[in-house]
Every structure is written in structure tokens, then in C-alpha cells.
Amino acid sequence: MPLFILGYTLVLLGVMLEIGAAPMHIWVPDVFTAGDPIPVSILASTVKIMPLVVLVKLMAPVLANLGEAYVSFAYWLTAVMAALSMIIGNVGALTSRESARVLAYSSIANMGYVLAAAAVLINESALGKGQQASQALIYALAGLITQLLVNAAGKIGYFTIIKGGGKGSVYSYLFGLSFIGTPPLLGFWSKLFIILSLIYLGPAGLWLAIFLVANSVISIPYYIRVSRELSARAPLGITLYTVLLMSIIMLLGVIIPIPAMVVSLSRGLLSYIA
């Protein structure tokens, strides 16, 4: 057991370093603030996918062959780290002033939401039995997929606006509202899926679901502030096309079949992930 605790802790911390989740987040604010907005937007979005896939794919089959005590430790450590990343990210964003730095801390908070989904995936892949566990897995995977998509689209959109000289018009508000979790934007569905997966775990997940909702409320002031700062003028040229594409992704949640499609996709992917 002690060797497993050390091994899983090191694996989890390594993944958190890759995705920029607290407490392995020290590099994120400085890189996001000092770097070129376009490469930073990629660093803040798409490259975060594979480390999480590795975490779930690597640990789920290992834990399936171990006892419940091992699975419980893995879930609780991941869940606590998720909560820590949420609160550090949101408090950091609230106390930052530069737009790029605010977005850096918001990315740390978003990775906390994703880690919450990963915790459910690891726990239920190893222990889950019956219909209730199946639903938790489906919602967790749906939440992880959509939250990564929201984070990618929002960060690419925001940093493209910064690259274009802060010309975002109404688009910056759209990104902010989706990150907050305003229905029916895609950010609402991503958080709803994660919350539902946590609720299916019972008391072990309910506290984290409540914590996630509270942190979403905490994020409202700084997303509104950043959106206002980046909405001075309408974007032009390639900036307009990129921002418009990211806005369309955020608006996918308005289309009623989209949530059902994501859940169906998640159901099909379970045979690979679990």
C-alpha cells in the first residue's frame, strides 16, 4: 500500500504538471502572461487532452485488480487535488488584473473541473457495477470531453482577441458566459455532466459537486471583467474568423441534440477508456 500511494501520487502530480493544475501550476501564470498569445492558446487548450487520457487509461485497469482501499485512495486524492485547483485558480483570477494572467488562473480552475471528472472515471472504472455506476461513467466522460472542448475554444478565442489588440466585441462576453456555465451554452452542459457524475457517487461525490457550483459562482466577477476589457472593438480579418469559429463551438449547447450526442459518444468510448 505505501508503494502504491507513492506511485499514484507521483503519476497524478506529473499529469497535473502537464495540464497546469494546482499545486503544480507555478509555471502557468508567467508563461501565459509573457508568451505570444497564439502559441499560449494552444498550450492552454488542446495539449491538455492526452495527459488526462493517459491518467485514466493507465490507472483504471491497474486499480481494477487491486482492492477497494486502493481505489478509494486514488479517488479521494484526485478529488482533493481537483478542489484545490478550483479554488486556487479562481482566487488567483479574482486577484489578478492583466487579462492574460486572469485567463491563466482560470485555466487552472478549469483543470480542477476536469480532474473531478477524471476522479469519477478512475473510481467507477475500477469499482463500478450496475446501472448507477454506468451512468456515473457516462456523465463523467461526457463532462471531461465537453469541458476540455470549452476550455480549448474559450482560451483560443480569448487569446486570439488579445493578439488582435483586444478587439472582441460581443464575442468575449459569449466566451465568459460559457465559462461561467450559463445555460444553454456549452460550458453549462460540461459542468452539468460533471456535477451529475459526482452526484451518482453519493456522499463521496456530493461535496465536490457543491464545491464545483460554488467555484462557478466565484468565477463570475473576473470573467465579466475580462470580457468587458476585451470587447472594445469588433475583430477584423483572421482574428474575426477564428473568434467566430470558437463562438460557434460555444453555441453548440444551444442545439438540443448536442448533449444527447455527447452522452452517446461517451457511452461508445467507455469500452476503450474503462
C-alpha atoms as a PDB file:
ATOM      1  CA  MET A   1       0.000   0.000   0.000  1.00  0.00           C
ATOM      2  CA  PRO A   2       2.699   2.616   0.826  1.00  0.00           C
ATOM      3  CA  LEU A   3       4.414   1.929  -2.506  1.00  0.00           C
ATOM      4  CA  PHE A   4       1.106   2.353  -4.362  1.00  0.00           C
ATOM      5  CA  ILE A   5       0.409   5.622  -2.532  1.00  0.00           C
ATOM      6  CA  LEU A   6       3.797   6.962  -3.599  1.00  0.00           C
ATOM      7  CA  GLY A   7       3.413   5.696  -7.171  1.00  0.00           C
ATOM      8  CA  TYR A   8      -0.093   7.053  -7.736  1.00  0.00           C
ATOM      9  CA  THR A   9       0.769  10.380  -6.115  1.00  0.00           C
ATOM     10  CA  LEU A  10       3.760  10.834  -8.420  1.00  0.00           C
ATOM     11  CA  VAL A  11       1.728   9.868 -11.512  1.00  0.00           C
ATOM     12  CA  LEU A  12      -1.059  12.270 -10.569  1.00  0.00           C
ATOM     13  CA  LEU A  13       1.348  15.126  -9.821  1.00  0.00           C
ATOM     14  CA  GLY A  14       3.076  14.505 -13.158  1.00  0.00           C
ATOM     15  CA  VAL A  15      -0.209  14.751 -15.030  1.00  0.00           C
ATOM     16  CA  MET A  16      -1.152  17.872 -13.065  1.00  0.00           C
ATOM     17  CA  LEU A  17       2.169  19.460 -14.019  1.00  0.00           C
ATOM     18  CA  GLU A  18       1.421  18.755 -17.685  1.00  0.00           C
ATOM     19  CA  ILE A  19      -2.093  20.217 -17.609  1.00  0.00           C
ATOM     20  CA  GLY A  20      -1.253  23.099 -15.257  1.00  0.00           C
ATOM     21  CA  ALA A  21      -3.440  22.136 -12.297  1.00  0.00           C
ATOM     22  CA  ALA A  22      -2.703  23.294  -8.739  1.00  0.00           C
ATOM     23  CA  PRO A  23      -0.472  22.763  -6.839  1.00  0.00           C
ATOM     24  CA  MET A  24       1.729  22.068  -9.917  1.00  0.00           C
ATOM     25  CA  HIS A  25       0.660  25.313 -11.554  1.00  0.00           C
ATOM     26  CA  ILE A  26       3.540  27.661 -10.770  1.00  0.00           C
ATOM     27  CA  TRP A  27       4.650  27.899 -14.409  1.00  0.00           C
ATOM     28  CA  VAL A  28       1.200  28.721 -15.811  1.00  0.00           C
ATOM     29  CA  PRO A  29       0.652  32.423 -14.916  1.00  0.00           C
ATOM     30  CA  ASP A  30       4.122  33.571 -16.051  1.00  0.00           C
ATOM     31  CA  VAL A  31       4.057  31.578 -19.301  1.00  0.00           C
ATOM     32  CA  PHE A  32       0.548  32.734 -20.204  1.00  0.00           C
ATOM     33  CA  THR A  33       1.407  36.369 -19.456  1.00  0.00           C
ATOM     34  CA  ALA A  34       4.813  36.551 -21.153  1.00  0.00           C
ATOM     35  CA  GLY A  35       4.220  34.243 -24.133  1.00  0.00           C
ATOM     36  CA  ASP A  36       2.838  35.007 -27.572  1.00  0.00           C
ATOM     37  CA  PRO A  37      -0.981  34.716 -27.364  1.00  0.00           C
ATOM     38  CA  ILE A  38      -1.336  32.236 -30.268  1.00  0.00           C
ATOM     39  CA  PRO A  39       1.109  29.535 -29.015  1.00  0.00           C
ATOM     40  CA  VAL A  40      -0.224  30.140 -25.498  1.00  0.00           C
ATOM     41  CA  SER A  41      -3.783  29.475 -26.683  1.00  0.00           C
ATOM     42  CA  ILE A  42      -2.674  26.061 -27.956  1.00  0.00           C
ATOM     43  CA  LEU A  43      -0.762  25.369 -24.734  1.00  0.00           C
ATOM     44  CA  ALA A  44      -3.882  26.290 -22.783  1.00  0.00           C
ATOM     45  CA  SER A  45      -6.198  24.012 -24.714  1.00  0.00           C
ATOM     46  CA  THR A  46      -5.505  21.022 -26.934  1.00  0.00           C
ATOM     47  CA  VAL A  47      -2.267  19.785 -25.313  1.00  0.00           C
ATOM     48  CA  LYS A  48      -4.139  19.116 -22.066  1.00  0.00           C
ATOM     49  CA  ILE A  49      -6.121  16.232 -23.557  1.00  0.00           C
ATOM     50  CA  MET A  50      -3.520  13.462 -23.766  1.00  0.00           C
ATOM     51  CA  PRO A  51      -2.178  13.635 -20.165  1.00  0.00           C
ATOM     52  CA  LEU A  52      -5.720  13.075 -18.862  1.00  0.00           C
ATOM     53  CA  VAL A  53      -6.301  10.185 -21.269  1.00  0.00           C
ATOM     54  CA  VAL A  54      -3.038   8.649 -20.054  1.00  0.00           C
ATOM     55  CA  LEU A  55      -4.052   9.064 -16.403  1.00  0.00           C
ATOM     56  CA  VAL A  56      -7.413   7.328 -16.833  1.00  0.00           C
ATOM     57  CA  LYS A  57      -6.212   4.684 -19.290  1.00  0.00           C
ATOM     58  CA  LEU A  58      -3.162   3.830 -17.162  1.00  0.00           C
ATOM     59  CA  MET A  59      -4.725   3.776 -13.708  1.00  0.00           C
ATOM     60  CA  ALA A  60      -8.215   2.332 -14.302  1.00  0.00           C
ATOM     61  CA  PRO A  61      -7.059  -1.209 -15.262  1.00  0.00           C
ATOM     62  CA  VAL A  62      -4.405  -1.201 -12.514  1.00  0.00           C
ATOM     63  CA  LEU A  63      -6.915  -0.250  -9.840  1.00  0.00           C
ATOM     64  CA  ALA A  64      -9.421  -2.815 -11.144  1.00  0.00           C
ATOM     65  CA  ASN A  65      -7.033  -5.543  -9.982  1.00  0.00           C
ATOM     66  CA  LEU A  66      -6.494  -4.027  -6.543  1.00  0.00           C
ATOM     67  CA  GLY A  67      -8.724  -3.719  -3.509  1.00  0.00           C
ATOM     68  CA  GLU A  68     -11.314  -1.048  -2.746  1.00  0.00           C
ATOM     69  CA  ALA A  69      -8.935   0.689  -0.346  1.00  0.00           C
ATOM     70  CA  TYR A  70      -6.565   1.450  -3.231  1.00  0.00           C
ATOM     71  CA  VAL A  71      -9.408   2.715  -5.433  1.00  0.00           C
ATOM     72  CA  SER A  72     -10.727   4.865  -2.593  1.00  0.00           C
ATOM     73  CA  PHE A  73      -7.314   6.439  -2.040  1.00  0.00           C
ATOM     74  CA  ALA A  74      -6.928   7.205  -5.751  1.00  0.00           C
ATOM     75  CA  TYR A  75     -10.380   8.790  -5.925  1.00  0.00           C
ATOM     76  CA  TRP A  76     -10.013  10.924  -2.801  1.00  0.00           C
ATOM     77  CA  LEU A  77      -6.541  12.176  -3.686  1.00  0.00           C
ATOM     78  CA  THR A  78      -7.682  13.118  -7.192  1.00  0.00           C
ATOM     79  CA  ALA A  79     -10.870  14.734  -5.856  1.00  0.00           C
ATOM     80  CA  VAL A  80      -8.993  16.792  -3.250  1.00  0.00           C
ATOM     81  CA  MET A  81      -6.499  17.933  -5.877  1.00  0.00           C
ATOM     82  CA  ALA A  82      -9.412  18.885  -8.133  1.00  0.00           C
ATOM     83  CA  ALA A  83     -10.947  21.008  -5.383  1.00  0.00           C
ATOM     84  CA  LEU A  84      -7.568  22.595  -4.628  1.00  0.00           C
ATOM     85  CA  SER A  85      -7.061  23.507  -8.283  1.00  0.00           C
ATOM     86  CA  MET A  86     -10.546  25.033  -8.491  1.00  0.00           C
ATOM     87  CA  ILE A  87     -10.124  27.326  -5.511  1.00  0.00           C
ATOM     88  CA  ILE A  88      -6.507  28.355  -6.204  1.00  0.00           C
ATOM     89  CA  GLY A  89      -7.363  29.077  -9.834  1.00  0.00           C
ATOM     90  CA  ASN A  90     -10.456  31.119  -9.077  1.00  0.00           C
ATOM     91  CA  VAL A  91      -8.907  33.104  -6.215  1.00  0.00           C
ATOM     92  CA  GLY A  92      -5.836  33.778  -8.356  1.00  0.00           C
ATOM     93  CA  ALA A  93      -8.010  35.008 -11.219  1.00  0.00           C
ATOM     94  CA  LEU A  94     -10.027  37.231  -8.897  1.00  0.00           C
ATOM     95  CA  THR A  95      -6.892  38.918  -7.577  1.00  0.00           C
ATOM     96  CA  SER A  96      -5.150  39.326 -10.961  1.00  0.00           C
ATOM     97  CA  ARG A  97      -5.526  42.360 -13.189  1.00  0.00           C
ATOM     98  CA  GLU A  98      -3.821  41.588 -16.512  1.00  0.00           C
ATOM     99  CA  SER A  99      -6.188  39.736 -18.863  1.00  0.00           C
ATOM    100  CA  ALA A 100      -3.672  37.042 -19.835  1.00  0.00           C
ATOM    101  CA  ARG A 101      -2.874  36.355 -16.170  1.00  0.00           C
ATOM    102  CA  VAL A 102      -6.578  36.119 -15.292  1.00  0.00           C
ATOM    103  CA  LEU A 103      -7.023  33.594 -18.107  1.00  0.00           C
ATOM    104  CA  ALA A 104      -4.019  31.637 -16.823  1.00  0.00           C
ATOM    105  CA  TYR A 105      -5.615  31.219 -13.406  1.00  0.00           C
ATOM    106  CA  SER A 106      -8.994  30.447 -14.974  1.00  0.00           C
ATOM    107  CA  SER A 107      -7.292  27.618 -16.866  1.00  0.00           C
ATOM    108  CA  ILE A 108      -6.024  26.253 -13.539  1.00  0.00           C
ATOM    109  CA  ALA A 109      -9.601  26.312 -12.214  1.00  0.00           C
ATOM    110  CA  ASN A 110     -10.916  24.627 -15.360  1.00  0.00           C
ATOM    111  CA  MET A 111      -8.405  21.824 -14.933  1.00  0.00           C
ATOM    112  CA  GLY A 112      -9.855  21.325 -11.455  1.00  0.00           C
ATOM    113  CA  TYR A 113     -13.267  20.682 -13.037  1.00  0.00           C
ATOM    114  CA  VAL A 114     -11.679  18.224 -15.463  1.00  0.00           C
ATOM    115  CA  LEU A 115      -9.837  16.429 -12.650  1.00  0.00           C
ATOM    116  CA  ALA A 116     -13.173  15.999 -10.851  1.00  0.00           C
ATOM    117  CA  ALA A 117     -14.487  14.127 -13.898  1.00  0.00           C
ATOM    118  CA  ALA A 118     -11.267  12.106 -14.084  1.00  0.00           C
ATOM    119  CA  ALA A 119     -11.671  11.111 -10.430  1.00  0.00           C
ATOM    120  CA  VAL A 120     -15.119   9.676 -11.161  1.00  0.00           C
ATOM    121  CA  LEU A 121     -13.819   7.870 -14.258  1.00  0.00           C
ATOM    122  CA  ILE A 122     -10.980   6.241 -12.319  1.00  0.00           C
ATOM    123  CA  ASN A 123     -13.196   5.289  -9.381  1.00  0.00           C
ATOM    124  CA  GLU A 124     -16.109   3.864 -11.360  1.00  0.00           C
ATOM    125  CA  SER A 125     -13.956   2.142 -13.984  1.00  0.00           C
ATOM    126  CA  ALA A 126     -12.326   0.158 -11.200  1.00  0.00           C
ATOM    127  CA  LEU A 127     -15.319  -0.449  -8.908  1.00  0.00           C
ATOM    128  CA  GLY A 128     -18.481   0.495 -10.781  1.00  0.00           C
ATOM    129  CA  LYS A 129     -21.193  -2.112 -11.082  1.00  0.00           C
ATOM    130  CA  GLY A 130     -24.766  -1.818 -12.238  1.00  0.00           C
ATOM    131  CA  GLN A 131     -26.798   0.919 -13.876  1.00  0.00           C
ATOM    132  CA  GLN A 132     -25.878   3.640 -11.383  1.00  0.00           C
ATOM    133  CA  ALA A 133     -22.163   3.171 -11.962  1.00  0.00           C
ATOM    134  CA  SER A 134     -22.728   3.101 -15.720  1.00  0.00           C
ATOM    135  CA  GLN A 135     -24.496   6.459 -15.607  1.00  0.00           C
ATOM    136  CA  ALA A 136     -21.712   7.958 -13.494  1.00  0.00           C
ATOM    137  CA  LEU A 137     -19.134   6.806 -16.047  1.00  0.00           C
ATOM    138  CA  ILE A 138     -21.116   8.166 -18.995  1.00  0.00           C
ATOM    139  CA  TYR A 139     -21.669  11.570 -17.415  1.00  0.00           C
ATOM    140  CA  ALA A 140     -18.049  11.817 -16.219  1.00  0.00           C
ATOM    141  CA  LEU A 141     -16.668  11.099 -19.680  1.00  0.00           C
ATOM    142  CA  ALA A 142     -19.197  13.449 -21.292  1.00  0.00           C
ATOM    143  CA  GLY A 143     -18.207  16.165 -18.825  1.00  0.00           C
ATOM    144  CA  LEU A 144     -14.488  15.618 -19.361  1.00  0.00           C
ATOM    145  CA  ILE A 145     -14.848  15.795 -23.154  1.00  0.00           C
ATOM    146  CA  THR A 146     -17.050  18.877 -23.200  1.00  0.00           C
ATOM    147  CA  GLN A 147     -15.075  20.737 -20.506  1.00  0.00           C
ATOM    148  CA  LEU A 148     -11.856  20.220 -22.462  1.00  0.00           C
ATOM    149  CA  LEU A 149     -13.647  21.464 -25.585  1.00  0.00           C
ATOM    150  CA  VAL A 150     -14.977  24.506 -23.742  1.00  0.00           C
ATOM    151  CA  ASN A 151     -11.542  25.280 -22.297  1.00  0.00           C
ATOM    152  CA  ALA A 152      -9.917  24.920 -25.726  1.00  0.00           C
ATOM    153  CA  ALA A 153     -12.463  27.055 -27.604  1.00  0.00           C
ATOM    154  CA  GLY A 154     -12.626  29.720 -24.909  1.00  0.00           C
ATOM    155  CA  LYS A 155      -8.877  30.080 -24.469  1.00  0.00           C
ATOM    156  CA  ILE A 156      -8.185  30.125 -28.217  1.00  0.00           C
ATOM    157  CA  GLY A 157     -10.924  32.715 -28.621  1.00  0.00           C
ATOM    158  CA  TYR A 158      -9.747  34.926 -25.758  1.00  0.00           C
ATOM    159  CA  PHE A 159      -6.051  34.826 -26.686  1.00  0.00           C
ATOM    160  CA  THR A 160      -6.857  35.470 -30.346  1.00  0.00           C
ATOM    161  CA  ILE A 161      -8.684  38.610 -29.204  1.00  0.00           C
ATOM    162  CA  ILE A 162      -5.647  39.618 -27.131  1.00  0.00           C
ATOM    163  CA  LYS A 163      -3.404  39.028 -30.173  1.00  0.00           C
ATOM    164  CA  GLY A 164      -5.733  41.218 -32.214  1.00  0.00           C
ATOM    165  CA  GLY A 165      -5.322  44.116 -29.833  1.00  0.00           C
ATOM    166  CA  GLY A 166      -8.264  43.474 -27.526  1.00  0.00           C
ATOM    167  CA  LYS A 167     -10.892  43.615 -30.260  1.00  0.00           C
ATOM    168  CA  GLY A 168     -13.583  41.186 -29.177  1.00  0.00           C
ATOM    169  CA  SER A 169     -16.938  42.974 -29.210  1.00  0.00           C
ATOM    170  CA  VAL A 170     -19.765  40.664 -28.122  1.00  0.00           C
ATOM    171  CA  TYR A 171     -17.682  37.504 -28.635  1.00  0.00           C
ATOM    172  CA  SER A 172     -15.664  37.999 -25.446  1.00  0.00           C
ATOM    173  CA  TYR A 173     -18.888  38.055 -23.413  1.00  0.00           C
ATOM    174  CA  LEU A 174     -20.011  34.836 -25.089  1.00  0.00           C
ATOM    175  CA  PHE A 175     -16.808  33.095 -24.015  1.00  0.00           C
ATOM    176  CA  GLY A 176     -17.138  34.432 -20.478  1.00  0.00           C
ATOM    177  CA  LEU A 177     -20.766  33.354 -20.108  1.00  0.00           C
ATOM    178  CA  SER A 178     -19.924  29.861 -21.346  1.00  0.00           C
ATOM    179  CA  PHE A 179     -17.009  29.539 -18.906  1.00  0.00           C
ATOM    180  CA  ILE A 180     -19.280  30.635 -16.058  1.00  0.00           C
ATOM    181  CA  GLY A 181     -21.746  27.891 -17.035  1.00  0.00           C
ATOM    182  CA  THR A 182     -24.657  29.948 -18.331  1.00  0.00           C
ATOM    183  CA  PRO A 183     -27.363  27.826 -19.974  1.00  0.00           C
ATOM    184  CA  PRO A 184     -27.722  26.786 -22.710  1.00  0.00           C
ATOM    185  CA  LEU A 185     -24.105  27.438 -23.761  1.00  0.00           C
ATOM    186  CA  LEU A 186     -21.679  24.513 -23.996  1.00  0.00           C
ATOM    187  CA  GLY A 187     -19.997  25.442 -20.711  1.00  0.00           C
ATOM    188  CA  PHE A 188     -23.283  24.837 -18.903  1.00  0.00           C
ATOM    189  CA  TRP A 189     -23.544  21.286 -20.252  1.00  0.00           C
ATOM    190  CA  SER A 190     -19.929  20.426 -19.435  1.00  0.00           C
ATOM    191  CA  LYS A 191     -20.356  21.406 -15.781  1.00  0.00           C
ATOM    192  CA  LEU A 192     -23.780  19.769 -15.580  1.00  0.00           C
ATOM    193  CA  PHE A 193     -22.366  16.456 -16.816  1.00  0.00           C
ATOM    194  CA  ILE A 194     -19.560  16.567 -14.237  1.00  0.00           C
ATOM    195  CA  ILE A 195     -21.961  17.503 -11.427  1.00  0.00           C
ATOM    196  CA  LEU A 196     -24.314  14.658 -12.340  1.00  0.00           C
ATOM    197  CA  SER A 197     -21.447  12.160 -12.363  1.00  0.00           C
ATOM    198  CA  LEU A 198     -20.409  13.303  -8.881  1.00  0.00           C
ATOM    199  CA  ILE A 199     -23.980  13.096  -7.594  1.00  0.00           C
ATOM    200  CA  TYR A 200     -24.191   9.472  -8.766  1.00  0.00           C
ATOM    201  CA  LEU A 201     -21.279   8.696  -6.419  1.00  0.00           C
ATOM    202  CA  GLY A 202     -23.385   9.683  -3.414  1.00  0.00           C
ATOM    203  CA  PRO A 203     -21.833  11.475  -0.398  1.00  0.00           C
ATOM    204  CA  ALA A 204     -18.310  10.830  -1.699  1.00  0.00           C
ATOM    205  CA  GLY A 205     -19.035  12.992  -4.717  1.00  0.00           C
ATOM    206  CA  LEU A 206     -21.746  15.335  -3.462  1.00  0.00           C
ATOM    207  CA  TRP A 207     -19.330  17.596  -1.558  1.00  0.00           C
ATOM    208  CA  LEU A 208     -17.236  18.066  -4.703  1.00  0.00           C
ATOM    209  CA  ALA A 209     -20.334  18.803  -6.788  1.00  0.00           C
ATOM    210  CA  ILE A 210     -21.328  21.553  -4.336  1.00  0.00           C
ATOM    211  CA  PHE A 211     -17.755  22.848  -4.318  1.00  0.00           C
ATOM    212  CA  LEU A 212     -17.787  22.991  -8.124  1.00  0.00           C
ATOM    213  CA  VAL A 213     -21.003  25.013  -8.157  1.00  0.00           C
ATOM    214  CA  ALA A 214     -19.621  27.416  -5.553  1.00  0.00           C
ATOM    215  CA  ASN A 215     -16.460  27.941  -7.588  1.00  0.00           C
ATOM    216  CA  SER A 216     -18.503  28.614 -10.713  1.00  0.00           C
ATOM    217  CA  VAL A 217     -20.216  31.414  -8.812  1.00  0.00           C
ATOM    218  CA  ILE A 218     -16.835  32.753  -7.642  1.00  0.00           C
ATOM    219  CA  SER A 219     -15.691  32.960 -11.276  1.00  0.00           C
ATOM    220  CA  ILE A 220     -18.479  35.338 -12.379  1.00  0.00           C
ATOM    221  CA  PRO A 221     -16.785  38.677 -11.490  1.00  0.00           C
ATOM    222  CA  TYR A 222     -13.466  38.045 -13.236  1.00  0.00           C
ATOM    223  CA  TYR A 223     -14.986  36.591 -16.401  1.00  0.00           C
ATOM    224  CA  ILE A 224     -17.248  39.638 -16.712  1.00  0.00           C
ATOM    225  CA  ARG A 225     -14.263  41.918 -16.082  1.00  0.00           C
ATOM    226  CA  VAL A 226     -12.078  40.220 -18.714  1.00  0.00           C
ATOM    227  CA  SER A 227     -14.927  40.142 -21.216  1.00  0.00           C
ATOM    228  CA  ARG A 228     -15.515  43.852 -20.755  1.00  0.00           C
ATOM    229  CA  GLU A 229     -11.828  44.675 -21.157  1.00  0.00           C
ATOM    230  CA  LEU A 230     -11.575  42.661 -24.393  1.00  0.00           C
ATOM    231  CA  SER A 231     -14.769  43.910 -26.010  1.00  0.00           C
ATOM    232  CA  ALA A 232     -13.722  47.436 -27.009  1.00  0.00           C
ATOM    233  CA  ARG A 233     -13.993  46.959 -30.777  1.00  0.00           C
ATOM    234  CA  ALA A 234     -15.126  44.324 -33.264  1.00  0.00           C
ATOM    235  CA  PRO A 235     -12.356  41.986 -34.501  1.00  0.00           C
ATOM    236  CA  LEU A 236     -11.221  42.102 -38.122  1.00  0.00           C
ATOM    237  CA  GLY A 237      -9.634  39.721 -40.647  1.00  0.00           C
ATOM    238  CA  ILE A 238      -8.279  36.381 -39.454  1.00  0.00           C
ATOM    239  CA  THR A 239      -8.978  37.357 -35.854  1.00  0.00           C
ATOM    240  CA  LEU A 240     -12.670  37.671 -36.677  1.00  0.00           C
ATOM    241  CA  TYR A 241     -12.813  34.259 -38.384  1.00  0.00           C
ATOM    242  CA  THR A 242     -11.005  32.483 -35.537  1.00  0.00           C
ATOM    243  CA  VAL A 243     -13.106  34.134 -32.842  1.00  0.00           C
ATOM    244  CA  LEU A 244     -16.290  33.443 -34.802  1.00  0.00           C
ATOM    245  CA  LEU A 245     -15.416  29.736 -35.102  1.00  0.00           C
ATOM    246  CA  MET A 246     -14.750  29.474 -31.367  1.00  0.00           C
ATOM    247  CA  SER A 247     -18.048  31.264 -30.696  1.00  0.00           C
ATOM    248  CA  ILE A 248     -19.902  28.709 -32.808  1.00  0.00           C
ATOM    249  CA  ILE A 249     -18.386  25.919 -30.702  1.00  0.00           C
ATOM    250  CA  MET A 250     -19.610  27.626 -27.531  1.00  0.00           C
ATOM    251  CA  LEU A 251     -23.072  27.946 -29.076  1.00  0.00           C
ATOM    252  CA  LEU A 252     -23.284  24.201 -29.785  1.00  0.00           C
ATOM    253  CA  GLY A 253     -25.006  23.801 -26.438  1.00  0.00           C
ATOM    254  CA  VAL A 254     -27.964  25.764 -27.783  1.00  0.00           C
ATOM    255  CA  ILE A 255     -28.689  22.935 -30.210  1.00  0.00           C
ATOM    256  CA  ILE A 256     -30.848  20.486 -28.241  1.00  0.00           C
ATOM    257  CA  PRO A 257     -29.432  17.211 -29.709  1.00  0.00           C
ATOM    258  CA  ILE A 258     -25.829  18.132 -28.804  1.00  0.00           C
ATOM    259  CA  PRO A 259     -25.946  16.992 -25.123  1.00  0.00           C
ATOM    260  CA  ALA A 260     -27.556  13.714 -26.169  1.00  0.00           C
ATOM    261  CA  MET A 261     -24.897  13.257 -28.861  1.00  0.00           C
ATOM    262  CA  VAL A 262     -22.085  13.797 -26.362  1.00  0.00           C
ATOM    263  CA  VAL A 263     -23.611  11.292 -23.942  1.00  0.00           C
ATOM    264  CA  SER A 264     -23.975   8.745 -26.766  1.00  0.00           C
ATOM    265  CA  LEU A 265     -20.354   9.314 -27.802  1.00  0.00           C
ATOM    266  CA  SER A 266     -19.243   8.844 -24.202  1.00  0.00           C
ATOM    267  CA  ARG A 267     -21.182   5.606 -23.964  1.00  0.00           C
ATOM    268  CA  GLY A 268     -19.337   4.288 -27.013  1.00  0.00           C
ATOM    269  CA  LEU A 269     -15.913   5.392 -25.748  1.00  0.00           C
ATOM    270  CA  LEU A 270     -16.312   3.641 -22.400  1.00  0.00           C
ATOM    271  CA  SER A 271     -15.211   0.328 -23.880  1.00  0.00           C
ATOM    272  CA  TYR A 272     -11.879   1.985 -24.701  1.00  0.00           C
ATOM    273  CA  ILE A 273     -11.339   4.139 -21.626  1.00  0.00           C
ATOM    274  CA  ALA A 274     -12.537   1.703 -18.948  1.00  0.00           C
END
